[in-house]
């Protein structure tokens, strides 16, 4: 299957976007001072909220990376086809 140039760029951009958004989310989750992520703000006692959202972030990092790689491969294939 050959990806078109716009689709390849969209997938690569989505991979980057996913990393930016979820890295920010993970950083904010770690800094949580509202008591949802950690018991009494103690980082040695994460809550279920923390674990669920950490799992969401890790899954999104993996999927974002996979989608970004597919997009990058499409971009490179389109460049080789033009040359």
Protein backbone atom coordinates (compact mmCIF):
# COMPACT_ATOMS: atom_id res chain seq x y z
CA UNK A 1 0.00 0.00 0.00
CA UNK A 2 1.30 3.43 -0.90
CA UNK A 3 0.48 6.42 1.28
CA UNK A 4 -0.13 9.76 -0.35
CA UNK A 5 2.09 12.67 0.59
CA UNK A 6 -0.63 14.50 2.62
CA UNK A 7 -1.55 11.35 4.53
CA UNK A 8 2.12 10.64 5.29
CA UNK A 9 2.63 14.16 6.62
CA UNK A 10 -0.55 13.95 8.68
CA UNK A 11 0.57 10.68 10.29
CA UNK A 12 4.04 12.05 11.06
CA UNK A 13 2.52 15.23 12.52
CA UNK A 14 0.09 13.16 14.59
CA UNK A 15 2.99 11.16 16.04
CA UNK A 16 4.78 14.35 17.07
CA UNK A 17 1.56 15.87 18.42
CA UNK A 18 0.88 12.76 20.48
CA UNK A 19 4.33 12.96 22.08
CA UNK A 20 3.98 16.67 22.88
CA UNK A 21 0.51 16.33 24.41
CA UNK A 22 1.15 13.17 26.42
CA UNK A 23 4.59 14.26 27.64
CA UNK A 24 2.98 17.43 28.99
CA UNK A 25 0.20 15.38 30.55
CA UNK A 26 2.66 12.96 32.20
CA UNK A 27 4.68 15.88 33.58
CA UNK A 28 1.54 17.47 35.00
CA UNK A 29 0.40 14.13 36.42
CA UNK A 30 3.72 13.81 38.27
CA UNK A 31 3.41 17.37 39.63
CA UNK A 32 -0.18 16.81 40.83
CA UNK A 33 -0.78 18.64 44.06
CA UNK A 34 -4.54 18.14 44.18
CA UNK A 35 -4.28 14.74 45.81
CA UNK A 36 -5.70 12.70 42.93
CA UNK A 37 -2.44 11.13 41.73
CA UNK A 38 -0.71 10.64 45.08
CA UNK A 39 -1.90 10.09 48.63
CA UNK A 40 -1.20 13.29 50.58
CA UNK A 41 1.15 14.48 47.83
CA UNK A 42 3.61 11.73 48.77
CA UNK A 43 5.16 10.38 45.56
CA UNK A 44 5.80 7.02 47.21
CA UNK A 45 2.03 6.35 47.40
CA UNK A 46 0.48 6.60 43.90
CA UNK A 47 -3.27 6.17 43.59
CA UNK A 48 -5.28 4.14 41.08
CA UNK A 49 -5.91 7.43 39.25
CA UNK A 50 -2.15 7.78 38.74
CA UNK A 51 -1.68 4.22 37.45
CA UNK A 52 -4.62 4.39 35.02
CA UNK A 53 -3.47 7.71 33.57
CA UNK A 54 0.15 6.59 33.41
CA UNK A 55 -0.98 3.52 31.44
CA UNK A 56 -2.95 5.79 29.09
CA UNK A 57 0.12 7.97 28.55
CA UNK A 58 2.43 5.01 27.89
CA UNK A 59 -0.05 3.48 25.44
CA UNK A 60 -0.37 6.82 23.66
CA UNK A 61 3.43 7.16 23.48
CA UNK A 62 3.68 3.72 21.87
CA UNK A 63 0.83 4.30 19.41
CA UNK A 64 2.02 7.82 18.59
CA UNK A 65 5.49 6.48 17.87
CA UNK A 66 4.11 3.72 15.62
CA UNK A 67 1.88 6.14 13.70
CA UNK A 68 4.72 8.65 13.38
CA UNK A 69 7.07 5.98 12.03
CA UNK A 70 4.48 4.91 9.45
CA UNK A 71 4.12 8.55 8.40
CA UNK A 72 7.90 9.04 8.21
CA UNK A 73 8.29 5.91 6.11
CA UNK A 74 5.56 7.21 3.77
CA UNK A 75 7.33 10.58 3.45
CA UNK A 76 10.65 8.88 2.67
CA UNK A 77 9.01 6.52 0.15
CA UNK A 78 7.36 9.47 -1.62
CA UNK A 79 10.71 11.28 -1.82
CA UNK A 80 12.43 8.23 -3.29
CA UNK A 81 9.61 7.82 -5.85
CA UNK A 82 10.04 11.45 -7.03
CA UNK A 83 13.83 11.15 -7.48
